[in-house]
Structure formats: C-alpha cells, structure tokens
Amino acid sequence: MSSEDLEKYEAEMELQLYREYRDVVGLFSYVVETERRFYLTNHVDLQPRSTDNGEMYFEVTMQDAWVWDMYRPARFVKNVRVVTFKDVNVEEITKADLEIPPHNSSS
C-alpha cells in the first residue's frame, strides 16, 4: 500500500466518522474533550483530584458515550473513565446549535 493509498483511506475513514458524528450528535447532551479523545455523552461527572504531592488531575466518568476515534470498531461505549493531568473541556450541547439555518430563497 502506497502512502497515497493510505492517505486516501484515512481521509475516507475521517469522512465516514464525521457522517456518523453528524447522525448521532442529536442524541447527546454533552461534548467532552480530553487531550486524547472527543466524546459525546448524556452523563458526565468531572472530579478534580490531587496527588499526595499536591499535583492536580481530573477524573472524568461518562455513561453511554460515543467516542470520536476512527480506529475503534465500536464507537458506542457503556462506561468511560478518563484520568488526566491535562485540560478537560465539558460543554452542554444546545439543540439550537444543531439546527441548520433556514435558506433565504430571495438571494
């Protein structure tokens, strides 16, 4: 397999993943971003923790999540637990964010 074939395959996989994301995003209430993954979920718990020497880290647990990862054969996961020293971003998805603006036919 040439590098061009590999790039084409990865581009096709990324497009397929985006289409799947577009189809499922309306089922979820939260977007969770970590340094390694992007998740959609309806249940998220983010807990700041500290080590014995005072370093801060985060423990994130999610239930019934979808994970953006083109190399996973199954992107729906029942339970997820992430422990990280990096930033974690949790955003609530508003349904208005998912609506396509109406097309103005007078233009």
C-alpha atoms as a PDB file:
ATOM      1  CA  MET A   1       0.000   0.000   0.000  1.00  0.00           C
ATOM      2  CA  SER A   2       1.469   3.358  -1.022  1.00  0.00           C
ATOM      3  CA  SER A   3       1.461   6.417   1.194  1.00  0.00           C
ATOM      4  CA  GLU A   4      -1.053   7.986  -1.212  1.00  0.00           C
ATOM      5  CA  ASP A   5      -3.373   4.985  -0.765  1.00  0.00           C
ATOM      6  CA  LEU A   6      -3.015   5.244   3.000  1.00  0.00           C
ATOM      7  CA  GLU A   7      -3.819   8.969   2.964  1.00  0.00           C
ATOM      8  CA  LYS A   8      -6.879   8.308   0.780  1.00  0.00           C
ATOM      9  CA  TYR A   9      -8.041   5.540   3.126  1.00  0.00           C
ATOM     10  CA  GLU A  10      -7.609   7.768   6.205  1.00  0.00           C
ATOM     11  CA  ALA A  11      -9.468  10.632   4.508  1.00  0.00           C
ATOM     12  CA  GLU A  12     -12.353   8.280   3.680  1.00  0.00           C
ATOM     13  CA  MET A  13     -12.411   6.976   7.259  1.00  0.00           C
ATOM     14  CA  GLU A  14     -12.426  10.539   8.627  1.00  0.00           C
ATOM     15  CA  LEU A  15     -15.347  11.467   6.343  1.00  0.00           C
ATOM     16  CA  GLN A  16     -17.243   8.354   7.416  1.00  0.00           C
ATOM     17  CA  LEU A  17     -16.588   9.234  11.063  1.00  0.00           C
ATOM     18  CA  TYR A  18     -17.814  12.803  10.532  1.00  0.00           C
ATOM     19  CA  ARG A  19     -21.024  11.485   8.942  1.00  0.00           C
ATOM     20  CA  GLU A  20     -21.567   9.149  11.892  1.00  0.00           C
ATOM     21  CA  TYR A  21     -20.956  12.049  14.299  1.00  0.00           C
ATOM     22  CA  ARG A  22     -23.479  14.182  12.424  1.00  0.00           C
ATOM     23  CA  ASP A  23     -26.056  11.370  12.662  1.00  0.00           C
ATOM     24  CA  VAL A  24     -25.621  10.777  16.420  1.00  0.00           C
ATOM     25  CA  VAL A  25     -24.816  14.203  17.915  1.00  0.00           C
ATOM     26  CA  GLY A  26     -28.524  14.978  18.421  1.00  0.00           C
ATOM     27  CA  LEU A  27     -28.822  12.001  20.778  1.00  0.00           C
ATOM     28  CA  PHE A  28     -26.425  13.503  23.330  1.00  0.00           C
ATOM     29  CA  SER A  29     -26.380  16.407  25.791  1.00  0.00           C
ATOM     30  CA  TYR A  30     -22.647  16.948  26.381  1.00  0.00           C
ATOM     31  CA  VAL A  31     -19.403  17.198  24.460  1.00  0.00           C
ATOM     32  CA  VAL A  32     -16.324  16.169  26.459  1.00  0.00           C
ATOM     33  CA  GLU A  33     -12.831  16.880  25.127  1.00  0.00           C
ATOM     34  CA  THR A  34      -9.670  15.480  26.649  1.00  0.00           C
ATOM     35  CA  GLU A  35      -6.120  15.629  25.320  1.00  0.00           C
ATOM     36  CA  ARG A  36      -6.599  12.254  23.631  1.00  0.00           C
ATOM     37  CA  ARG A  37     -10.279  11.903  22.740  1.00  0.00           C
ATOM     38  CA  PHE A  38     -13.541  13.655  21.918  1.00  0.00           C
ATOM     39  CA  TYR A  39     -16.742  12.201  23.415  1.00  0.00           C
ATOM     40  CA  LEU A  40     -20.482  12.717  23.187  1.00  0.00           C
ATOM     41  CA  THR A  41     -22.443  11.659  26.257  1.00  0.00           C
ATOM     42  CA  ASN A  42     -25.601  12.260  28.283  1.00  0.00           C
ATOM     43  CA  HIS A  43     -23.999  11.632  31.676  1.00  0.00           C
ATOM     44  CA  VAL A  44     -20.650  13.142  32.666  1.00  0.00           C
ATOM     45  CA  ASP A  45     -19.001  13.598  36.052  1.00  0.00           C
ATOM     46  CA  LEU A  46     -15.795  15.648  36.291  1.00  0.00           C
ATOM     47  CA  GLN A  47     -13.907  15.468  39.581  1.00  0.00           C
ATOM     48  CA  PRO A  48     -10.718  17.416  40.313  1.00  0.00           C
ATOM     49  CA  ARG A  49      -8.293  15.341  42.374  1.00  0.00           C
ATOM     50  CA  SER A  50      -4.818  15.842  43.799  1.00  0.00           C
ATOM     51  CA  THR A  51      -1.899  13.512  44.309  1.00  0.00           C
ATOM     52  CA  ASP A  52      -0.084  13.101  47.624  1.00  0.00           C
ATOM     53  CA  ASN A  53       2.493  15.656  46.484  1.00  0.00           C
ATOM     54  CA  GLY A  54      -0.208  18.217  45.542  1.00  0.00           C
ATOM     55  CA  GLU A  55      -0.353  17.793  41.762  1.00  0.00           C
ATOM     56  CA  MET A  56      -3.861  18.316  40.384  1.00  0.00           C
ATOM     57  CA  TYR A  57      -5.502  15.910  37.960  1.00  0.00           C
ATOM     58  CA  PHE A  58      -9.011  15.201  36.702  1.00  0.00           C
ATOM     59  CA  GLU A  59     -11.122  12.079  36.819  1.00  0.00           C
ATOM     60  CA  VAL A  60     -13.893  12.046  34.243  1.00  0.00           C
ATOM     61  CA  THR A  61     -16.567   9.367  34.142  1.00  0.00           C
ATOM     62  CA  MET A  62     -19.176   9.049  31.415  1.00  0.00           C
ATOM     63  CA  GLN A  63     -22.003   6.646  30.741  1.00  0.00           C
ATOM     64  CA  ASP A  64     -23.471   5.727  27.370  1.00  0.00           C
ATOM     65  CA  ALA A  65     -20.946   7.669  25.333  1.00  0.00           C
ATOM     66  CA  TRP A  66     -19.870   7.904  21.710  1.00  0.00           C
ATOM     67  CA  VAL A  67     -16.154   8.380  21.072  1.00  0.00           C
ATOM     68  CA  TRP A  68     -14.562  10.104  18.057  1.00  0.00           C
ATOM     69  CA  ASP A  69     -11.919   7.577  17.062  1.00  0.00           C
ATOM     70  CA  MET A  70     -11.682   6.281  13.520  1.00  0.00           C
ATOM     71  CA  TYR A  71      -9.594   3.300  14.607  1.00  0.00           C
ATOM     72  CA  ARG A  72     -12.217   1.917  17.030  1.00  0.00           C
ATOM     73  CA  PRO A  73     -14.538  -0.673  15.517  1.00  0.00           C
ATOM     74  CA  ALA A  74     -17.255   0.196  18.079  1.00  0.00           C
ATOM     75  CA  ARG A  75     -17.622   3.854  18.979  1.00  0.00           C
ATOM     76  CA  PHE A  76     -20.522   3.475  21.414  1.00  0.00           C
ATOM     77  CA  VAL A  77     -19.267   2.648  24.899  1.00  0.00           C
ATOM     78  CA  LYS A  78     -21.273   1.890  28.040  1.00  0.00           C
ATOM     79  CA  ASN A  79     -18.836   3.333  30.606  1.00  0.00           C
ATOM     80  CA  VAL A  80     -15.767   5.533  30.207  1.00  0.00           C
ATOM     81  CA  ARG A  81     -13.270   6.607  32.857  1.00  0.00           C
ATOM     82  CA  VAL A  82     -10.520   9.073  31.985  1.00  0.00           C
ATOM     83  CA  VAL A  83      -7.765  10.159  34.371  1.00  0.00           C
ATOM     84  CA  THR A  84      -5.663  13.042  33.109  1.00  0.00           C
ATOM     85  CA  PHE A  85      -3.297  15.780  34.212  1.00  0.00           C
ATOM     86  CA  LYS A  86      -4.274  17.775  31.101  1.00  0.00           C
ATOM     87  CA  ASP A  87      -7.216  20.086  30.471  1.00  0.00           C
ATOM     88  CA  VAL A  88     -10.730  18.688  30.163  1.00  0.00           C
ATOM     89  CA  ASN A  89     -13.486  20.627  28.429  1.00  0.00           C
ATOM     90  CA  VAL A  90     -17.163  19.822  29.066  1.00  0.00           C
ATOM     91  CA  GLU A  91     -19.817  21.676  27.090  1.00  0.00           C
ATOM     92  CA  GLU A  92     -23.568  21.268  27.100  1.00  0.00           C
ATOM     93  CA  ILE A  93     -24.971  20.866  23.603  1.00  0.00           C
ATOM     94  CA  THR A  94     -27.893  23.162  22.944  1.00  0.00           C
ATOM     95  CA  LYS A  95     -30.324  21.863  20.383  1.00  0.00           C
ATOM     96  CA  ALA A  96     -30.220  25.262  18.618  1.00  0.00           C
ATOM     97  CA  ASP A  97     -26.542  24.535  17.839  1.00  0.00           C
ATOM     98  CA  LEU A  98     -27.674  21.531  15.814  1.00  0.00           C
ATOM     99  CA  GLU A  99     -30.284  23.284  13.665  1.00  0.00           C
ATOM    100  CA  ILE A 100     -29.432  24.255  10.116  1.00  0.00           C
ATOM    101  CA  PRO A 101     -30.218  27.932   9.459  1.00  0.00           C
ATOM    102  CA  PRO A 102     -33.142  28.437   7.064  1.00  0.00           C
ATOM    103  CA  HIS A 103     -32.180  29.110   3.466  1.00  0.00           C
ATOM    104  CA  ASN A 104     -33.222  32.543   2.255  1.00  0.00           C
ATOM    105  CA  SER A 105     -34.592  31.982  -1.240  1.00  0.00           C
ATOM    106  CA  SER A 106     -34.719  35.712  -2.083  1.00  0.00           C
ATOM    107  CA  SER A 107     -30.934  35.948  -2.538  1.00  0.00           C
END
